[in-house]
Amino acid sequence: MTPAGLKAARRILGLNRAEMAQQLRTPYRTYVPWERGTARIPGVCEVAVELLVQKDRWVMQAITEKLASSFPGTGTR
């Protein structure tokens, strides 16, 4: 994972740096250098970020499906 990829994932999740560090259970002062590219991003962080993004997609899909079933005829095309 590149620093740009980490930043992009954070933005997809709608988080600021402090919130992303909290989600990754890492200190803010550890997280920021990863995103700036001044420290290597650990492999476990890459896996955790991928899981956070996937979880976000699952939640959004579940919400969309629930809304579609609650309001028949308004499904996506």
C-alpha atoms as a PDB file:
ATOM      1  CA  MET A   1       0.000   0.000   0.000  1.00  0.00           C
ATOM      2  CA  THR A   2       1.246   3.429  -0.904  1.00  0.00           C
ATOM      3  CA  PRO A   3       0.755   6.596   1.135  1.00  0.00           C
ATOM      4  CA  ALA A   4      -1.627   7.821  -1.592  1.00  0.00           C
ATOM      5  CA  GLY A   5      -3.596   4.568  -1.333  1.00  0.00           C
ATOM      6  CA  LEU A   6      -3.828   4.930   2.432  1.00  0.00           C
ATOM      7  CA  LYS A   7      -5.059   8.512   2.083  1.00  0.00           C
ATOM      8  CA  ALA A   8      -7.574   7.474  -0.589  1.00  0.00           C
ATOM      9  CA  ALA A   9      -8.924   4.696   1.649  1.00  0.00           C
ATOM     10  CA  ARG A  10      -9.274   7.160   4.515  1.00  0.00           C
ATOM     11  CA  ARG A  11     -11.238   9.518   2.309  1.00  0.00           C
ATOM     12  CA  ILE A  12     -13.476   6.699   1.035  1.00  0.00           C
ATOM     13  CA  LEU A  13     -14.279   5.941   4.666  1.00  0.00           C
ATOM     14  CA  GLY A  14     -15.013   9.614   5.318  1.00  0.00           C
ATOM     15  CA  LEU A  15     -12.509   9.841   8.163  1.00  0.00           C
ATOM     16  CA  ASN A  16      -9.962  12.444   9.166  1.00  0.00           C
ATOM     17  CA  ARG A  17      -6.451  11.371  10.147  1.00  0.00           C
ATOM     18  CA  ALA A  18      -7.206  11.140  13.858  1.00  0.00           C
ATOM     19  CA  GLU A  19     -10.305   9.024  13.222  1.00  0.00           C
ATOM     20  CA  MET A  20      -8.400   6.722  10.860  1.00  0.00           C
ATOM     21  CA  ALA A  21      -5.646   6.247  13.426  1.00  0.00           C
ATOM     22  CA  GLN A  22      -8.308   5.419  15.996  1.00  0.00           C
ATOM     23  CA  GLN A  23      -9.948   2.882  13.654  1.00  0.00           C
ATOM     24  CA  LEU A  24      -6.544   1.249  13.141  1.00  0.00           C
ATOM     25  CA  ARG A  25      -5.921   1.362  16.906  1.00  0.00           C
ATOM     26  CA  THR A  26      -2.628   3.132  16.399  1.00  0.00           C
ATOM     27  CA  PRO A  27      -1.362   6.423  17.780  1.00  0.00           C
ATOM     28  CA  TYR A  28      -1.972   9.477  15.597  1.00  0.00           C
ATOM     29  CA  ARG A  29       1.766  10.237  15.677  1.00  0.00           C
ATOM     30  CA  THR A  30       2.412   6.783  14.214  1.00  0.00           C
ATOM     31  CA  TYR A  31      -0.296   7.047  11.535  1.00  0.00           C
ATOM     32  CA  VAL A  32       0.599  10.443  10.054  1.00  0.00           C
ATOM     33  CA  PRO A  33       4.088   9.441   8.818  1.00  0.00           C
ATOM     34  CA  TRP A  34       2.543   6.467   6.992  1.00  0.00           C
ATOM     35  CA  GLU A  35       0.224   8.765   5.068  1.00  0.00           C
ATOM     36  CA  ARG A  36       2.980  11.309   4.416  1.00  0.00           C
ATOM     37  CA  GLY A  37       5.309   8.608   3.121  1.00  0.00           C
ATOM     38  CA  THR A  38       8.004   9.247   5.720  1.00  0.00           C
ATOM     39  CA  ALA A  39       7.535   5.854   7.384  1.00  0.00           C
ATOM     40  CA  ARG A  40       6.853   2.419   5.923  1.00  0.00           C
ATOM     41  CA  ILE A  41       3.242   1.269   6.160  1.00  0.00           C
ATOM     42  CA  PRO A  42       3.183  -2.097   7.956  1.00  0.00           C
ATOM     43  CA  GLY A  43       1.597  -5.005   6.122  1.00  0.00           C
ATOM     44  CA  VAL A  44      -0.891  -5.544   8.924  1.00  0.00           C
ATOM     45  CA  CYS A  45      -2.058  -1.945   8.447  1.00  0.00           C
ATOM     46  CA  GLU A  46      -2.685  -2.615   4.773  1.00  0.00           C
ATOM     47  CA  VAL A  47      -4.808  -5.649   5.631  1.00  0.00           C
ATOM     48  CA  ALA A  48      -6.728  -3.693   8.280  1.00  0.00           C
ATOM     49  CA  VAL A  49      -7.427  -0.828   5.858  1.00  0.00           C
ATOM     50  CA  GLU A  50      -8.682  -3.246   3.196  1.00  0.00           C
ATOM     51  CA  LEU A  51     -11.013  -4.824   5.765  1.00  0.00           C
ATOM     52  CA  LEU A  52     -12.319  -1.421   6.885  1.00  0.00           C
ATOM     53  CA  VAL A  53     -13.105  -0.435   3.294  1.00  0.00           C
ATOM     54  CA  GLN A  54     -14.749  -3.809   2.601  1.00  0.00           C
ATOM     55  CA  LYS A  55     -16.805  -3.550   5.794  1.00  0.00           C
ATOM     56  CA  ASP A  56     -17.956  -0.080   4.737  1.00  0.00           C
ATOM     57  CA  ARG A  57     -19.081  -1.478   1.360  1.00  0.00           C
ATOM     58  CA  TRP A  58     -20.993  -4.329   3.057  1.00  0.00           C
ATOM     59  CA  VAL A  59     -22.761  -1.900   5.375  1.00  0.00           C
ATOM     60  CA  MET A  60     -23.742   0.388   2.497  1.00  0.00           C
ATOM     61  CA  GLN A  61     -24.995  -2.582   0.468  1.00  0.00           C
ATOM     62  CA  ALA A  62     -27.071  -3.820   3.409  1.00  0.00           C
ATOM     63  CA  ILE A  63     -28.573  -0.360   3.882  1.00  0.00           C
ATOM     64  CA  THR A  64     -29.379  -0.100   0.175  1.00  0.00           C
ATOM     65  CA  GLU A  65     -31.008  -3.544   0.155  1.00  0.00           C
ATOM     66  CA  LYS A  66     -33.028  -2.747   3.269  1.00  0.00           C
ATOM     67  CA  LEU A  67     -34.253   0.516   1.763  1.00  0.00           C
ATOM     68  CA  ALA A  68     -35.141  -1.209  -1.508  1.00  0.00           C
ATOM     69  CA  SER A  69     -37.179  -3.837   0.340  1.00  0.00           C
ATOM     70  CA  SER A  70     -38.904  -1.197   2.454  1.00  0.00           C
ATOM     71  CA  PHE A  71     -39.875   0.870  -0.567  1.00  0.00           C
ATOM     72  CA  PRO A  72     -40.757  -1.520  -3.423  1.00  0.00           C
ATOM     73  CA  GLY A  73     -40.473  -0.084  -6.886  1.00  0.00           C
ATOM     74  CA  THR A  74     -37.697   2.331  -5.949  1.00  0.00           C
ATOM     75  CA  GLY A  75     -34.794  -0.044  -6.496  1.00  0.00           C
ATOM     76  CA  THR A  76     -31.675   1.004  -8.373  1.00  0.00           C
ATOM     77  CA  ARG A  77     -31.443   0.530 -12.109  1.00  0.00           C
END
